[in-house]
């Protein structure tokens, strides 16, 4: 999924029943200014839909460089970890994982017991919401497997083994996470993906809150995240690529690792202004070659994503850049082919030289096929959302169209850092499960590390307000390679803490002739996204002037 003339991230699909909107951009690949104490704990007010302001005063952490959770008198970098290692300032809580928080000593004392709904002295109940099979979800899963991603069953098995390890390794102050599978009784995955389905989503949220008695839900689209927040549920990955204003409205209940569209919009506009505007379309083909660049954008017609596209367009106009034609489409996979064909007709008729692909990767593949059929060879600017920047999907694009013409922004790192035996997930699998990790999956490693990170950062007094305050105390995570981007909740665009993790991006181009990497079991697979400036990632304000690189084909 994607945002406006913008959006962000993912890297190991795990769908079949988890909703088309997860499958086409939000799920297992990862992928992103509010005050820490906004949002209340009064269940009666929240359940009625009221928004309250917490009266809890959250003290700022002592500025000595040590990691401290939001509650409890606990100082990181001291004592011994749960798995028996010495805890020093440089020791991660979970060994050998770059997204692990700094370590904390083993907790001793009273954790407060039932600090929130869904929390006891021993457990934290978190629901994993899924959907029944549908034509859309089955077709999505088929295409994900065509792209080389693992099946749902394989990924779920690894996920459960990783989560058991996390329960033993993370400091959760005497508690364990109890994950509860819930197949939607009332929701409609496709309706929610296109911005509707709120009635069914709210019925699901009510059931999860009242009948299942959960503290939170692992993930959910915009409508469900709103309904869940109204009922006092924390959604750890809600509203993927939504604006920070959305997260602020539902503070302190909704978070995500995927980059907020405000930040994506700023990245995209800055990149266009500094790297593309006012120059010939040097990489376009046919009669477009050498013409001054004109832009077009393909973006889902979801209200949030169109709104984020508006932000990009406003940024560009402020810099004297015409944002060009915008074509929207519905996030319904049964309509993708026809919508892609119509979009290419429009872009070609307008003489668009450079298409900004603020879309899901399946639609992008269909766009490139439609362009080939219509003998249309524009430049393709990716913006790094929804795993459009992964090698698996890059190989699904029409290579005659994108070879030497695709470049842009990538929020992920190289696919070899996400998938395969040498990835973090691969090494963890070898250590925890034994043997090489199956191809095409991270075991949803990063999605669930994010859940455990926020729970640990909240401290023993586990409340939504302390989840929010704790997230802001986490240091930047993911270095030095940042396989799922640089995660940092401590400073949004306006300098105050935000609710989405990923901040930065790298510049890449698509090389269709690159040899398969060592993580590839199929040696016939070719093509990879290559970093224009190896090892360099850019935050807003850091993009350089100059021309983007492309593959020599």
Protein backbone atom coordinates (compact mmCIF):
# COMPACT_ATOMS: atom_id res chain seq x y z
CA UNK A 1 0.00 0.00 0.00
CA UNK A 2 1.23 3.39 -0.35
CA UNK A 3 0.84 6.95 0.24
CA UNK A 4 0.18 9.85 -1.80
CA UNK A 5 3.01 10.98 -3.93
CA UNK A 6 4.68 9.00 -1.21
CA UNK A 7 4.59 6.05 1.40
CA UNK A 8 6.64 2.77 3.33
CA UNK A 9 7.60 -0.89 4.07
CA UNK A 10 7.71 -4.68 4.74
CA UNK A 11 9.96 -8.01 3.88
CA UNK A 12 8.55 -11.50 4.22
CA UNK A 13 4.94 -11.99 3.40
CA UNK A 14 2.95 -14.26 5.61
CA UNK A 15 -0.57 -14.04 4.32
CA UNK A 16 -3.38 -16.05 3.12
CA UNK A 17 -5.93 -15.24 5.75
CA UNK A 18 -4.48 -12.03 7.15
CA UNK A 19 -6.29 -9.64 4.90
CA UNK A 20 -5.58 -8.32 1.46
CA UNK A 21 -4.39 -4.99 2.83
CA UNK A 22 -1.66 -6.72 4.81
CA UNK A 23 -0.69 -8.85 1.85
CA UNK A 24 -0.27 -6.02 -0.59
CA UNK A 25 1.88 -3.90 1.48
CA UNK A 26 1.61 -3.89 5.15
CA UNK A 27 2.53 -7.25 6.49
CA UNK A 28 5.60 -9.13 7.20
CA UNK A 29 8.32 -7.21 5.51
CA UNK A 30 8.72 -4.32 6.97
CA UNK A 31 8.19 -2.01 7.30
CA UNK A 32 6.83 3.84 10.63
CA UNK A 33 4.76 15.07 16.97
CA UNK A 34 2.80 14.09 19.80
CA UNK A 35 3.25 14.44 23.54
CA UNK A 36 3.89 11.26 25.56
CA UNK A 37 0.88 11.53 27.87
CA UNK A 38 -2.02 12.11 25.45
CA UNK A 39 -4.91 9.63 25.67
CA UNK A 40 -6.71 8.15 28.64
CA UNK A 41 -7.07 4.88 30.53
CA UNK A 42 -10.74 5.31 31.51
CA UNK A 43 -12.30 2.22 29.95
CA UNK A 44 -15.86 3.51 30.27
CA UNK A 45 -15.10 6.73 28.43
CA UNK A 46 -12.98 5.00 25.80
CA UNK A 47 -15.57 2.31 25.14
CA UNK A 48 -18.20 4.95 24.48
CA UNK A 49 -16.00 6.55 21.86
CA UNK A 50 -14.92 9.49 24.01
CA UNK A 51 -11.36 10.76 23.80
CA UNK A 52 -9.77 11.60 27.12
CA UNK A 53 -6.49 13.10 28.23
CA UNK A 54 -4.45 11.09 30.70
CA UNK A 55 -3.71 12.75 34.00
CA UNK A 56 -0.65 10.50 34.44
CA UNK A 57 2.53 12.52 34.80
CA UNK A 58 5.39 10.74 33.05
CA UNK A 59 8.78 11.88 34.31
CA UNK A 60 11.49 12.53 31.75
CA UNK A 61 14.32 9.98 31.91
CA UNK A 62 17.53 10.99 33.64
CA UNK A 63 19.92 12.22 30.96
CA UNK A 64 22.84 9.87 31.70
CA UNK A 65 22.61 7.84 28.50
CA UNK A 66 21.11 4.76 30.18
CA UNK A 67 17.91 3.21 28.86
CA UNK A 68 15.08 3.35 31.39
CA UNK A 69 11.55 2.05 30.83
CA UNK A 70 8.65 4.46 31.36
CA UNK A 71 7.69 2.98 34.73
CA UNK A 72 9.60 1.37 37.56
CA UNK A 73 12.91 2.45 39.05
CA UNK A 74 14.94 0.39 36.55
CA UNK A 75 18.27 1.39 35.02
CA UNK A 76 19.54 -0.32 31.89
CA UNK A 77 23.08 -1.55 31.47
CA UNK A 78 23.30 -2.99 34.99
CA UNK A 79 22.90 -6.37 36.63
CA UNK A 80 22.16 -9.59 34.73
CA UNK A 81 19.75 -10.22 31.85
CA UNK A 82 17.00 -12.85 31.91
CA UNK A 83 19.16 -15.27 29.93
CA UNK A 84 22.06 -14.89 32.35
CA UNK A 85 24.36 -12.47 30.50
CA UNK A 86 26.06 -9.53 32.16
CA UNK A 87 24.05 -6.41 31.33
CA UNK A 88 26.34 -3.57 30.26
CA UNK A 89 25.49 -0.31 28.46
CA UNK A 90 26.49 -1.98 25.16
CA UNK A 91 24.57 -5.23 25.67
CA UNK A 92 21.32 -5.81 23.74
CA UNK A 93 18.42 -7.45 25.52
CA UNK A 94 18.23 -10.08 22.76
CA UNK A 95 21.63 -11.26 21.50
CA UNK A 96 22.67 -10.55 17.92
CA UNK A 97 19.51 -8.70 16.86
CA UNK A 98 19.97 -5.11 15.75
CA UNK A 99 16.42 -4.07 16.68
CA UNK A 100 16.77 -5.23 20.27
CA UNK A 101 16.53 -2.55 22.97
CA UNK A 102 19.46 -2.11 25.37
CA UNK A 103 19.41 -4.68 28.15
CA UNK A 104 17.71 -4.37 31.52
CA UNK A 105 18.49 -6.28 34.72
CA UNK A 106 16.17 -9.07 35.82
CA UNK A 107 13.11 -7.47 37.40
CA UNK A 108 12.42 -8.17 41.05
CA UNK A 109 9.41 -7.02 43.02
CA UNK A 110 5.72 -6.32 42.44
CA UNK A 111 4.72 -5.62 38.83
CA UNK A 112 1.35 -4.17 39.83
CA UNK A 113 -0.71 -7.12 38.64
CA UNK A 114 -3.71 -6.10 36.52
CA UNK A 115 -2.43 -2.69 35.44
CA UNK A 116 -4.73 -2.61 32.38
CA UNK A 117 -7.47 -4.61 30.74
CA UNK A 118 -5.90 -7.78 29.34
CA UNK A 119 -2.98 -7.66 31.77
CA UNK A 120 -2.45 -9.80 34.87
CA UNK A 121 0.56 -10.35 37.09
CA UNK A 122 1.54 -13.25 34.81
CA UNK A 123 0.23 -12.52 31.29
CA UNK A 124 -0.38 -9.90 28.59
CA UNK A 125 -3.10 -10.90 26.13
CA UNK A 126 -2.55 -9.75 22.53
CA UNK A 127 -4.81 -10.80 19.68
CA UNK A 128 -3.69 -11.70 16.17
CA UNK A 129 -6.64 -10.82 13.96
CA UNK A 130 -7.05 -12.62 10.64
CA UNK A 131 -9.75 -13.08 8.01
CA UNK A 132 -11.41 -16.09 6.40
CA UNK A 133 -10.15 -17.07 2.96
CA UNK A 134 -11.57 -15.01 0.12
CA UNK A 135 -10.89 -14.81 -3.63
CA UNK A 136 -8.82 -11.67 -3.00
CA UNK A 137 -6.70 -13.20 -0.22
CA UNK A 138 -6.12 -16.43 -2.13
CA UNK A 139 -5.06 -14.55 -5.26
CA UNK A 140 -2.78 -12.36 -3.19
CA UNK A 141 -1.17 -15.40 -1.59
CA UNK A 142 -0.67 -16.99 -5.00
CA UNK A 143 1.16 -13.92 -6.24
CA UNK A 144 3.27 -13.69 -3.10
CA UNK A 145 4.39 -17.28 -3.60
CA UNK A 146 5.14 -16.53 -7.26
CA UNK A 147 7.41 -13.77 -5.97
CA UNK A 148 9.28 -16.28 -3.82
CA UNK A 149 7.75 -15.63 -0.41
CA UNK A 150 7.00 -18.51 1.95
CA UNK A 151 3.53 -19.84 2.68
CA UNK A 152 1.50 -18.65 5.64
CA UNK A 153 1.86 -21.98 7.41
CA UNK A 154 5.66 -21.96 7.19
CA UNK A 155 5.94 -18.40 8.44
CA UNK A 156 3.49 -18.92 11.30
CA UNK A 157 5.39 -21.94 12.55
CA UNK A 158 8.62 -19.94 12.68
CA UNK A 159 6.81 -16.96 14.20
CA UNK A 160 5.54 -19.05 17.11
CA UNK A 161 9.02 -20.42 17.83
CA UNK A 162 10.55 -16.94 17.71
CA UNK A 163 7.85 -15.58 20.01
CA UNK A 164 8.46 -18.33 22.55
CA UNK A 165 12.13 -17.34 22.54
CA UNK A 166 11.21 -13.66 22.98
CA UNK A 167 8.99 -14.52 25.93
CA UNK A 168 12.01 -16.11 27.57
CA UNK A 169 14.49 -13.38 26.63
CA UNK A 170 12.74 -9.99 26.82
CA UNK A 171 12.34 -8.36 30.22
CA UNK A 172 8.55 -8.29 30.74
CA UNK A 173 8.62 -7.87 34.54
CA UNK A 174 7.27 -11.28 35.47
CA UNK A 175 4.75 -11.50 32.62
CA UNK A 176 4.55 -13.43 29.36
CA UNK A 177 2.74 -12.47 26.17
CA UNK A 178 -0.23 -14.70 25.41
CA UNK A 179 -1.00 -14.44 21.70
CA UNK A 180 -4.59 -15.32 20.82
CA UNK A 181 -5.58 -16.10 17.22
CA UNK A 182 -8.90 -14.54 16.21
CA UNK A 183 -10.49 -15.02 12.79
CA UNK A 184 -12.75 -12.05 12.06
CA UNK A 185 -16.44 -12.73 12.65
CA UNK A 186 -17.72 -9.42 11.37
CA UNK A 187 -15.04 -7.67 9.29
CA UNK A 188 -14.45 -7.49 5.54
CA UNK A 189 -10.76 -7.39 4.57
CA UNK A 190 -11.31 -5.86 1.14
CA UNK A 191 -13.75 -3.23 2.42
CA UNK A 192 -11.29 -2.19 5.13
CA UNK A 193 -8.44 -2.05 2.62
CA UNK A 194 -10.32 0.47 0.50
CA UNK A 195 -11.17 2.64 3.50
CA UNK A 196 -14.57 1.22 4.45
CA UNK A 197 -15.83 -1.65 6.54
CA UNK A 198 -15.94 0.33 9.76
CA UNK A 199 -19.10 -1.27 11.16
CA UNK A 200 -17.70 -4.79 10.93
CA UNK A 201 -14.28 -3.64 12.15
CA UNK A 202 -15.88 -2.07 15.22
CA UNK A 203 -17.85 -5.22 15.94
CA UNK A 204 -14.60 -7.18 15.84
CA UNK A 205 -12.92 -4.65 18.12
CA UNK A 206 -15.79 -4.89 20.60
CA UNK A 207 -15.55 -8.68 20.63
CA UNK A 208 -11.77 -8.58 21.13
CA UNK A 209 -12.03 -6.05 23.95
CA UNK A 210 -15.06 -7.43 25.78
CA UNK A 211 -15.22 -11.15 25.02
CA UNK A 212 -11.52 -11.92 24.62
CA UNK A 213 -10.43 -9.33 27.17
CA UNK A 214 -7.27 -8.34 25.28
CA UNK A 215 -4.76 -5.62 26.05
CA UNK A 216 -3.97 -5.08 22.39
CA UNK A 217 -4.04 -6.32 18.81
CA UNK A 218 -0.97 -7.03 16.71
CA UNK A 219 -2.12 -5.18 13.59
CA UNK A 220 -5.04 -3.60 11.79
CA UNK A 221 -5.92 -1.20 9.00
CA UNK A 222 -7.22 2.31 9.53
CA UNK A 223 -10.87 1.55 10.29
CA UNK A 224 -10.06 -1.27 12.67
CA UNK A 225 -7.31 0.74 14.40
CA UNK A 226 -9.81 3.55 15.08
CA UNK A 227 -12.39 1.13 16.48
CA UNK A 228 -9.81 -0.64 18.61
CA UNK A 229 -8.49 2.65 20.02
CA UNK A 230 -12.02 3.74 20.90
CA UNK A 231 -12.29 0.56 22.99
CA UNK A 232 -8.96 1.07 24.73
CA UNK A 233 -6.99 -1.55 22.77
CA UNK A 234 -3.37 -0.92 21.80
CA UNK A 235 -2.73 -1.62 18.09
CA UNK A 236 0.97 -2.23 17.59
CA UNK A 237 0.84 -1.98 13.77
CA UNK A 238 -2.20 0.08 12.86
CA UNK A 239 -2.93 2.43 9.98
CA UNK A 240 0.09 1.49 7.83
CA UNK A 241 1.58 4.55 6.14
CA UNK A 242 -1.07 6.79 7.68
CA UNK A 243 -0.28 10.36 8.70
CA UNK A 244 1.08 11.28 12.10
CA UNK A 245 -2.11 13.28 12.68
CA UNK A 246 -4.00 9.98 12.53
CA UNK A 247 -1.76 8.47 15.20
CA UNK A 248 -1.92 11.61 17.30
CA UNK A 249 -5.73 11.56 17.16
CA UNK A 250 -5.76 8.00 18.52
CA UNK A 251 -2.91 8.45 20.99
CA UNK A 252 -1.77 6.53 23.00
CA UNK A 253 -3.26 3.46 21.33
CA UNK A 254 -1.95 3.12 17.76
CA UNK A 255 1.65 2.63 16.49
CA UNK A 256 3.50 1.24 13.50
CA UNK A 257 6.99 0.57 12.24
CA UNK A 258 6.10 1.75 8.73
CA UNK A 259 7.01 5.36 7.99
CA UNK A 260 4.23 7.90 8.44
CA UNK A 261 3.10 9.43 5.19
CA UNK A 262 4.05 12.90 6.41
CA UNK A 263 7.66 11.79 6.43
CA UNK A 264 7.34 9.82 3.19
CA UNK A 265 5.78 12.83 1.50
CA UNK A 266 8.65 15.04 2.61
CA UNK A 267 11.24 12.50 1.38
CA UNK A 268 9.56 12.14 -2.01
CA UNK A 269 9.16 15.86 -2.60
CA UNK A 270 12.75 16.57 -1.60
CA UNK A 271 14.04 13.80 -3.86
CA UNK A 272 12.08 15.08 -6.85
CA UNK A 273 13.17 18.68 -6.31
CA UNK A 274 16.87 17.87 -5.81
CA UNK A 275 17.35 14.90 -8.14
CA UNK A 276 14.78 15.10 -10.94
CA UNK A 277 13.03 18.42 -11.49
CA UNK A 278 13.96 20.61 -14.43
CA UNK A 279 16.13 17.96 -16.10
CA UNK A 280 15.70 15.76 -19.16
CA UNK A 281 14.15 12.33 -18.64
CA UNK A 282 17.49 10.75 -19.45
CA UNK A 283 16.36 7.23 -18.67
CA UNK A 284 12.99 7.20 -20.46
CA UNK A 285 12.66 5.37 -23.76
CA UNK A 286 10.95 5.89 -27.09
CA UNK A 287 9.74 9.39 -27.86
CA UNK A 288 9.98 10.33 -24.16
CA UNK A 289 13.78 10.09 -24.10
CA UNK A 290 15.43 13.42 -23.37
CA UNK A 291 12.23 15.38 -22.81
CA UNK A 292 12.06 17.56 -19.73
CA UNK A 293 10.58 15.52 -16.93
CA UNK A 294 6.86 15.59 -16.30
CA UNK A 295 5.48 13.61 -13.39
CA UNK A 296 2.56 11.31 -12.76
CA UNK A 297 1.59 9.44 -9.60
CA UNK A 298 -0.27 6.17 -9.06
CA UNK A 299 -1.78 5.94 -5.58
CA UNK A 300 -4.60 4.04 -3.79
CA UNK A 301 -7.87 5.96 -3.50
CA UNK A 302 -8.02 5.39 0.25
CA UNK A 303 -8.74 8.77 1.90
CA UNK A 304 -5.55 8.72 4.03
CA UNK A 305 -3.30 7.90 1.10
CA UNK A 306 -4.82 10.51 -1.19
CA UNK A 307 -4.45 13.02 1.64
CA UNK A 308 -0.78 12.14 1.92
CA UNK A 309 -0.43 12.54 -1.82
CA UNK A 310 -1.87 16.01 -1.38
CA UNK A 311 0.94 16.77 1.07
CA UNK A 312 3.57 15.83 -1.50
CA UNK A 313 1.87 17.84 -4.20
CA UNK A 314 1.75 20.87 -1.92
CA UNK A 315 5.46 20.48 -1.10
CA UNK A 316 6.28 20.36 -4.82
CA UNK A 317 4.15 23.37 -5.75
CA UNK A 318 5.86 25.37 -3.00
CA UNK A 319 9.15 24.62 -4.80
CA UNK A 320 7.76 25.59 -8.19
CA UNK A 321 7.35 21.99 -9.39
CA UNK A 322 4.22 20.83 -11.22
CA UNK A 323 3.27 17.51 -9.55
CA UNK A 324 1.52 16.42 -12.73
CA UNK A 325 -1.21 13.87 -13.27
CA UNK A 326 -2.45 11.77 -10.36
CA UNK A 327 -4.32 8.53 -11.00
CA UNK A 328 -5.97 6.69 -8.12
CA UNK A 329 -7.02 3.06 -7.85
CA UNK A 330 -8.94 0.79 -5.48
CA UNK A 331 -7.04 -1.66 -3.27
CA UNK A 332 -9.04 -4.59 -4.60
CA UNK A 333 -6.84 -7.14 -6.34
CA UNK A 334 -9.70 -8.31 -8.58
CA UNK A 335 -9.63 -4.86 -10.21
CA UNK A 336 -5.87 -4.34 -10.40
CA UNK A 337 -5.35 -5.34 -14.04
CA UNK A 338 -8.11 -3.14 -15.47
CA UNK A 339 -7.10 -0.20 -13.26
CA UNK A 340 -3.46 -0.51 -14.29
CA UNK A 341 -4.36 -0.58 -17.98
CA UNK A 342 -6.50 2.54 -17.66
CA UNK A 343 -3.80 4.35 -15.70
CA UNK A 344 -1.16 3.69 -18.35
CA UNK A 345 -3.49 4.98 -21.05
CA UNK A 346 -3.84 8.20 -19.05
CA UNK A 347 -0.14 8.59 -18.27
CA UNK A 348 0.83 7.98 -21.89
CA UNK A 349 -1.79 10.39 -23.22
CA UNK A 350 -0.46 13.10 -20.89
CA UNK A 351 3.13 12.50 -21.97
CA UNK A 352 4.26 11.62 -18.44
CA UNK A 353 7.98 10.85 -18.50
CA UNK A 354 8.38 9.79 -14.86
CA UNK A 355 5.83 7.77 -12.86
CA UNK A 356 5.97 8.05 -9.08
CA UNK A 357 4.88 4.61 -7.89
CA UNK A 358 3.03 5.30 -4.62
CA UNK A 359 1.32 1.94 -4.90
CA UNK A 360 1.49 -1.69 -3.84
CA UNK A 361 4.00 -4.02 -5.56
CA UNK A 362 1.40 -6.23 -7.24
CA UNK A 363 -0.18 -3.21 -8.92
CA UNK A 364 3.28 -1.98 -9.91
CA UNK A 365 3.95 -5.24 -11.72
CA UNK A 366 0.66 -4.86 -13.58
CA UNK A 367 1.47 -1.25 -14.46
CA UNK A 368 4.78 -2.29 -16.02
CA UNK A 369 3.10 -5.04 -18.04
CA UNK A 370 0.48 -2.59 -19.28
CA UNK A 371 3.22 -0.12 -20.26
CA UNK A 372 5.00 -2.81 -22.29
CA UNK A 373 1.77 -3.70 -24.08
CA UNK A 374 1.25 -0.04 -24.97
CA UNK A 375 4.86 0.53 -26.08
CA UNK A 376 5.33 3.12 -23.35
CA UNK A 377 8.72 3.46 -21.62
CA UNK A 378 8.71 6.10 -18.87
CA UNK A 379 11.07 6.33 -15.90
CA UNK A 380 9.81 4.56 -12.79
CA UNK A 381 10.47 6.25 -9.44
CA UNK A 382 9.86 3.93 -6.49
CA UNK A 383 9.25 5.43 -3.06
CA UNK A 384 10.08 2.44 -0.85
CA UNK A 385 6.65 1.55 0.46
CA UNK A 386 4.95 -1.85 0.74
CA UNK A 387 8.08 -3.81 -0.29
CA UNK A 388 8.07 -2.40 -3.81
CA UNK A 389 11.82 -2.08 -3.13
CA UNK A 390 12.38 -5.80 -2.45
CA UNK A 391 14.18 -8.02 -4.97
CA UNK A 392 11.35 -10.55 -4.85
CA UNK A 393 8.88 -8.06 -6.23
CA UNK A 394 11.40 -6.33 -8.49
CA UNK A 395 11.71 -9.58 -10.43
CA UNK A 396 7.95 -9.56 -11.00
CA UNK A 397 8.06 -6.25 -12.86
CA UNK A 398 8.31 -6.23 -16.65
CA UNK A 399 12.07 -6.22 -17.15
CA UNK A 400 11.93 -4.74 -20.65
CA UNK A 401 10.18 -1.72 -19.15
CA UNK A 402 12.04 -1.19 -15.87
CA UNK A 403 15.58 -2.24 -16.81
CA UNK A 404 17.71 0.93 -16.84
CA UNK A 405 14.63 3.02 -15.97
CA UNK A 406 13.72 2.23 -12.34
CA UNK A 407 15.28 4.14 -9.45
CA UNK A 408 14.35 5.99 -6.30
CA UNK A 409 13.85 5.68 -2.58
CA UNK A 410 14.11 2.45 -0.57
CA UNK A 411 13.22 2.27 3.10
CA UNK A 412 14.33 -1.35 3.43
CA UNK A 413 17.92 -2.49 3.22
CA UNK A 414 19.11 -5.06 0.71
CA UNK A 415 16.89 -8.13 0.48
CA UNK A 416 19.88 -10.34 1.34
CA UNK A 417 19.87 -8.70 4.79
CA UNK A 418 16.22 -9.67 5.29
CA UNK A 419 15.92 -13.13 3.78
CA UNK A 420 18.07 -16.23 3.75
CA UNK A 421 20.49 -17.99 6.11
CA UNK A 422 22.80 -14.99 6.53
CA UNK A 423 20.02 -12.60 7.56
CA UNK A 424 19.22 -11.83 11.20
CA UNK A 425 16.13 -14.02 10.93
CA UNK A 426 18.23 -16.78 9.38
CA UNK A 427 20.82 -16.68 12.15
CA UNK A 428 18.11 -16.58 14.83
CA UNK A 429 16.38 -19.56 13.23
CA UNK A 430 19.64 -21.50 13.24
CA UNK A 431 20.15 -20.73 16.93
CA UNK A 432 16.59 -21.13 18.22
CA UNK A 433 14.92 -23.60 15.86
CA UNK A 434 17.89 -25.34 14.28
CA UNK A 435 18.76 -25.66 10.61
CA UNK A 436 18.47 -23.13 7.80
CA UNK A 437 15.44 -20.83 7.67
CA UNK A 438 13.02 -21.69 4.83
CA UNK A 439 13.30 -19.40 1.77
CA UNK A 440 11.24 -16.25 1.50
CA UNK A 441 10.39 -15.46 5.11
CA UNK A 442 11.63 -13.55 8.14
CA UNK A 443 9.26 -15.48 10.37
CA UNK A 444 7.71 -12.04 10.99
CA UNK A 445 10.75 -11.34 13.15
CA UNK A 446 10.59 -7.55 12.98
CA UNK A 447 6.84 -7.24 13.38
CA UNK A 448 6.90 -9.14 16.67
CA UNK A 449 10.14 -7.62 17.95
CA UNK A 450 8.31 -4.31 17.69
CA UNK A 451 5.54 -5.65 19.96
CA UNK A 452 8.02 -6.92 22.56
CA UNK A 453 10.09 -3.71 22.33
CA UNK A 454 7.12 -1.53 23.27
CA UNK A 455 6.02 -3.84 26.08
CA UNK A 456 9.51 -3.84 27.56
CA UNK A 457 9.87 -0.07 27.18
CA UNK A 458 6.60 0.54 29.07
CA UNK A 459 7.95 -0.99 32.27
CA UNK A 460 6.06 -2.99 34.91
CA UNK A 461 3.12 -0.55 35.06
CA UNK A 462 1.79 -1.68 31.69
CA UNK A 463 -0.70 0.90 30.38
CA UNK A 464 -1.27 2.49 26.97
CA UNK A 465 0.16 5.75 28.30
CA UNK A 466 3.35 4.00 29.36
CA UNK A 467 3.60 2.23 25.99
CA UNK A 468 3.66 5.69 24.42
CA UNK A 469 6.12 7.14 26.90
CA UNK A 470 8.36 4.09 26.68
CA UNK A 471 8.48 4.16 22.88
CA UNK A 472 9.86 7.70 23.03
CA UNK A 473 12.65 6.50 25.34
CA UNK A 474 13.90 3.76 23.02
CA UNK A 475 17.16 4.67 21.27
CA UNK A 476 17.51 4.44 17.50
CA UNK A 477 17.52 0.75 16.56
CA UNK A 478 18.64 -1.33 13.58
CA UNK A 479 22.24 -0.28 13.01
CA UNK A 480 24.64 -0.64 11.43
CA UNK A 481 22.82 -2.26 8.47
CA UNK A 482 19.21 -1.22 9.22
CA UNK A 483 17.61 -4.19 7.40
CA UNK A 484 14.11 -2.87 8.13
CA UNK A 485 15.10 0.81 8.21
CA UNK A 486 16.19 3.00 11.09
CA UNK A 487 13.64 2.78 13.91
CA UNK A 488 13.26 5.76 16.19
CA UNK A 489 10.15 7.05 17.96
CA UNK A 490 11.95 9.83 19.79
CA UNK A 491 11.67 12.58 17.17
CA UNK A 492 9.09 13.08 14.45
CA UNK A 493 9.29 15.70 11.73
CA UNK A 494 8.55 18.46 14.24
CA UNK A 495 11.15 17.17 16.70
CA UNK A 496 8.68 15.73 19.23
CA UNK A 497 8.13 11.97 19.71
CA UNK A 498 5.97 10.25 17.11
CA UNK A 499 4.20 6.90 16.72
CA UNK A 500 5.94 5.39 13.68
CA UNK A 501 9.43 3.97 13.68
CA UNK A 502 11.13 4.27 10.29
CA UNK A 503 12.74 7.63 9.56
CA UNK A 504 15.23 7.28 6.72
CA UNK A 505 15.85 5.71 3.32
CA UNK A 506 18.57 4.81 0.84
CA UNK A 507 18.73 5.50 -2.90
CA UNK A 508 18.58 2.49 -5.21
CA UNK A 509 18.21 1.48 -8.84
CA UNK A 510 17.03 -1.79 -10.35
CA UNK A 511 19.62 -3.96 -12.08
CA UNK A 512 17.79 -6.76 -13.95
CA UNK A 513 21.01 -8.60 -14.82
CA UNK A 514 22.47 -8.94 -11.32
CA UNK A 515 23.46 -12.49 -10.40
CA UNK A 516 21.41 -14.20 -7.65
CA UNK A 517 22.78 -13.72 -4.15
CA UNK A 518 23.93 -16.49 -1.80
CA UNK A 519 20.51 -16.45 -0.07
CA UNK A 520 18.80 -17.53 -3.31
CA UNK A 521 18.09 -21.26 -3.51
CA UNK A 522 17.08 -20.82 -7.16
CA UNK A 523 20.21 -19.89 -9.09
CA UNK A 524 18.15 -18.81 -12.12
CA UNK A 525 16.76 -15.79 -10.28
CA UNK A 526 18.35 -12.55 -11.41
CA UNK A 527 17.92 -8.90 -10.57
CA UNK A 528 18.44 -6.79 -7.49
CA UNK A 529 18.04 -3.26 -6.18
CA UNK A 530 21.53 -1.73 -6.04
CA UNK A 531 22.46 1.10 -3.68
CA UNK A 532 23.56 4.20 -5.56
CA UNK A 533 25.71 5.23 -2.61
CA UNK A 534 26.56 2.03 -0.70
CA UNK A 535 25.99 2.16 3.03
CA UNK A 536 24.45 5.64 3.05
CA UNK A 537 20.94 6.35 4.31
CA UNK A 538 19.22 9.73 4.09
CA UNK A 539 16.88 11.54 6.45
CA UNK A 540 14.80 14.53 5.46
CA UNK A 541 17.02 17.42 4.43
CA UNK A 542 19.94 15.15 3.54
CA UNK A 543 19.19 14.21 -0.07
CA UNK A 544 21.92 15.47 -2.40
CA UNK A 545 21.70 17.41 -5.63
CA UNK A 546 22.53 15.44 -8.75
CA UNK A 547 21.24 12.80 -11.14
CA UNK A 548 20.05 9.35 -10.05
CA UNK A 549 21.98 6.32 -11.24
CA UNK A 550 20.42 3.53 -13.27
CA UNK A 551 21.59 0.12 -14.42
CA UNK A 552 23.58 -0.13 -17.62
CA UNK A 553 21.43 -2.44 -19.72
